[in-house]
């Protein structure tokens, strides 16, 4: 039987050393830019988009630090 991991809604990825920010175009605009958050933790999901302007309100189950 497989064990399931669940997201951690008690905290966010804020302050994580794997989190990087980059400029991201605002939807519907060619000149306005906002910040996008990407996770560069080692693994299959390296570079995963973790939110635009705001971080997701949870730590994903696949995060290596969540274990």
N, C-alpha and C. Protein backbone atom coordinates (compact mmCIF):
# COMPACT_ATOMS: atom_id res chain seq x y z
N UNK A 1 0.83 -1.18 0.00
CA UNK A 1 0.00 0.00 0.00
C UNK A 1 0.88 1.25 0.00
N UNK A 2 0.47 2.25 -0.73
CA UNK A 2 1.25 3.46 -0.88
C UNK A 2 0.86 4.51 0.15
N UNK A 3 1.87 5.13 0.76
CA UNK A 3 1.62 6.22 1.72
C UNK A 3 1.46 7.52 0.96
N UNK A 4 0.47 8.30 1.32
CA UNK A 4 0.24 9.58 0.65
C UNK A 4 0.83 10.71 1.48
N UNK A 5 1.45 11.65 0.78
CA UNK A 5 1.94 12.86 1.44
C UNK A 5 0.90 13.95 1.20
N UNK A 6 0.80 14.87 2.12
CA UNK A 6 -0.14 15.95 1.99
C UNK A 6 0.57 17.29 2.11
N UNK A 7 -0.02 18.32 1.54
CA UNK A 7 0.53 19.66 1.62
C UNK A 7 0.49 20.14 3.07
N UNK A 8 1.44 21.03 3.38
CA UNK A 8 1.51 21.62 4.72
C UNK A 8 0.92 23.03 4.65
N UNK A 9 -0.32 23.17 5.10
CA UNK A 9 -0.99 24.47 5.06
C UNK A 9 -0.66 25.35 6.26
N UNK A 10 0.21 24.88 7.16
CA UNK A 10 0.55 25.67 8.34
C UNK A 10 1.69 26.66 8.08
N UNK A 11 2.31 26.59 6.90
CA UNK A 11 3.41 27.51 6.58
C UNK A 11 3.52 27.68 5.06
N UNK A 12 4.37 28.63 4.63
CA UNK A 12 4.62 28.85 3.20
C UNK A 12 6.10 28.63 2.91
N UNK A 13 6.48 28.83 1.68
CA UNK A 13 7.88 28.65 1.26
C UNK A 13 8.71 29.91 1.49
N UNK A 14 8.14 30.93 2.09
CA UNK A 14 8.85 32.19 2.31
C UNK A 14 10.12 31.94 3.12
N UNK A 15 11.24 32.46 2.61
CA UNK A 15 12.52 32.32 3.29
C UNK A 15 13.31 31.08 2.90
N UNK A 16 12.75 30.22 2.08
CA UNK A 16 13.45 29.00 1.66
C UNK A 16 14.62 29.35 0.73
N UNK A 17 15.75 28.67 0.91
CA UNK A 17 16.92 28.97 0.08
C UNK A 17 16.76 28.50 -1.36
N UNK A 18 15.79 27.64 -1.64
CA UNK A 18 15.56 27.16 -3.00
C UNK A 18 14.65 28.07 -3.81
N UNK A 19 14.00 29.02 -3.15
CA UNK A 19 13.04 29.91 -3.81
C UNK A 19 13.77 31.05 -4.50
N UNK A 20 13.41 31.28 -5.76
CA UNK A 20 13.98 32.40 -6.53
C UNK A 20 12.86 33.22 -7.14
N UNK A 21 13.15 34.49 -7.35
CA UNK A 21 12.16 35.38 -7.99
C UNK A 21 12.66 35.78 -9.36
N UNK A 22 11.70 36.05 -10.24
CA UNK A 22 12.02 36.53 -11.58
C UNK A 22 10.88 37.42 -12.05
N UNK A 23 11.19 38.25 -13.01
CA UNK A 23 10.15 39.13 -13.56
C UNK A 23 9.22 38.31 -14.43
N UNK A 24 7.93 38.64 -14.38
CA UNK A 24 6.90 37.89 -15.08
C UNK A 24 5.92 38.90 -15.68
N UNK A 25 5.52 38.73 -16.94
CA UNK A 25 4.58 39.70 -17.52
C UNK A 25 3.19 39.60 -16.90
N UNK A 26 2.59 40.76 -16.69
CA UNK A 26 1.23 40.81 -16.15
C UNK A 26 0.27 40.37 -17.25
N UNK A 27 -0.70 39.53 -16.88
CA UNK A 27 -1.65 39.00 -17.86
C UNK A 27 -2.38 40.14 -18.57
N UNK A 28 -2.35 40.11 -19.89
CA UNK A 28 -3.04 41.12 -20.68
C UNK A 28 -2.23 42.39 -20.93
N UNK A 29 -0.97 42.42 -20.49
CA UNK A 29 -0.15 43.61 -20.68
C UNK A 29 1.21 43.21 -21.27
N UNK A 30 1.68 44.04 -22.18
CA UNK A 30 2.99 43.79 -22.77
C UNK A 30 4.09 44.61 -22.11
N UNK A 31 3.70 45.59 -21.26
CA UNK A 31 4.70 46.47 -20.67
C UNK A 31 4.83 46.31 -19.15
N UNK A 32 3.76 45.90 -18.47
CA UNK A 32 3.81 45.77 -17.02
C UNK A 32 4.42 44.43 -16.62
N UNK A 33 5.21 44.45 -15.55
CA UNK A 33 5.84 43.23 -15.05
C UNK A 33 5.52 43.07 -13.57
N UNK A 34 5.49 41.83 -13.12
CA UNK A 34 5.31 41.51 -11.70
C UNK A 34 6.36 40.47 -11.33
N UNK A 35 6.33 40.01 -10.10
CA UNK A 35 7.31 39.02 -9.64
C UNK A 35 6.68 37.64 -9.66
N UNK A 36 7.44 36.67 -10.13
CA UNK A 36 7.03 35.27 -10.08
C UNK A 36 8.00 34.52 -9.17
N UNK A 37 7.50 33.54 -8.45
CA UNK A 37 8.31 32.72 -7.56
C UNK A 37 8.49 31.34 -8.17
N UNK A 38 9.74 30.84 -8.18
CA UNK A 38 10.03 29.51 -8.70
C UNK A 38 10.85 28.74 -7.67
N UNK A 39 10.58 27.45 -7.56
CA UNK A 39 11.28 26.57 -6.63
C UNK A 39 12.39 25.84 -7.39
N UNK A 40 13.62 25.95 -6.91
CA UNK A 40 14.75 25.27 -7.53
C UNK A 40 15.35 24.23 -6.59
N UNK A 41 14.50 23.59 -5.80
CA UNK A 41 14.94 22.47 -4.98
C UNK A 41 15.29 21.31 -5.90
N UNK A 42 16.29 20.51 -5.54
CA UNK A 42 16.66 19.39 -6.40
C UNK A 42 15.50 18.39 -6.53
N UNK A 43 15.36 17.84 -7.72
CA UNK A 43 14.30 16.85 -7.93
C UNK A 43 13.58 17.07 -9.23
N UNK A 44 12.54 16.29 -9.43
CA UNK A 44 11.78 16.32 -10.69
C UNK A 44 11.08 17.65 -10.95
N UNK A 45 10.70 18.34 -9.92
CA UNK A 45 9.91 19.56 -10.10
C UNK A 45 10.76 20.83 -9.98
N UNK A 46 12.02 20.74 -10.26
CA UNK A 46 12.91 21.90 -10.19
C UNK A 46 12.45 22.94 -11.20
N UNK A 47 12.28 24.17 -10.76
CA UNK A 47 11.79 25.25 -11.61
C UNK A 47 10.29 25.44 -11.55
N UNK A 48 9.61 24.70 -10.67
CA UNK A 48 8.15 24.76 -10.55
C UNK A 48 7.70 26.17 -10.16
N UNK A 49 6.66 26.65 -10.80
CA UNK A 49 6.11 27.97 -10.53
C UNK A 49 5.31 27.94 -9.24
N UNK A 50 5.74 28.74 -8.25
CA UNK A 50 5.13 28.71 -6.92
C UNK A 50 4.21 29.91 -6.65
N UNK A 51 3.91 30.66 -7.68
CA UNK A 51 2.98 31.77 -7.50
C UNK A 51 3.45 33.02 -8.23
N UNK A 52 2.51 33.86 -8.59
CA UNK A 52 2.80 35.14 -9.22
C UNK A 52 2.33 36.23 -8.28
N UNK A 53 3.18 37.16 -7.98
CA UNK A 53 2.98 38.27 -7.05
C UNK A 53 2.94 37.77 -5.60
N UNK A 54 2.23 36.68 -5.32
CA UNK A 54 2.15 36.10 -3.98
C UNK A 54 2.52 34.62 -4.04
N UNK A 55 3.13 34.14 -2.97
CA UNK A 55 3.45 32.71 -2.88
C UNK A 55 2.19 31.90 -2.62
N UNK A 56 2.22 30.63 -2.99
CA UNK A 56 1.14 29.72 -2.63
C UNK A 56 1.01 29.73 -1.10
N UNK A 57 -0.17 29.43 -0.61
CA UNK A 57 -0.43 29.49 0.84
C UNK A 57 -0.11 28.16 1.53
N UNK A 58 0.76 27.35 0.93
CA UNK A 58 1.12 26.06 1.50
C UNK A 58 2.49 25.62 1.00
N UNK A 59 3.05 24.61 1.63
CA UNK A 59 4.29 23.96 1.18
C UNK A 59 3.85 22.67 0.46
N UNK A 60 4.22 22.50 -0.81
CA UNK A 60 3.79 21.30 -1.55
C UNK A 60 4.29 20.02 -0.92
N UNK A 61 3.55 18.95 -1.14
CA UNK A 61 3.89 17.65 -0.57
C UNK A 61 5.22 17.11 -1.12
N UNK A 62 5.61 17.53 -2.32
CA UNK A 62 6.84 17.01 -2.94
C UNK A 62 8.09 17.77 -2.47
N UNK A 63 7.94 18.77 -1.64
CA UNK A 63 9.09 19.55 -1.17
C UNK A 63 10.05 18.66 -0.36
N UNK A 64 11.36 18.69 -0.68
CA UNK A 64 12.30 17.87 0.07
C UNK A 64 12.44 18.31 1.54
N UNK A 65 12.12 19.56 1.85
CA UNK A 65 12.21 20.04 3.23
C UNK A 65 10.97 19.66 4.04
N UNK A 66 9.91 19.24 3.38
CA UNK A 66 8.66 18.90 4.07
C UNK A 66 8.76 17.53 4.74
N UNK A 67 9.72 16.74 4.35
CA UNK A 67 9.85 15.38 4.89
C UNK A 67 10.29 15.37 6.34
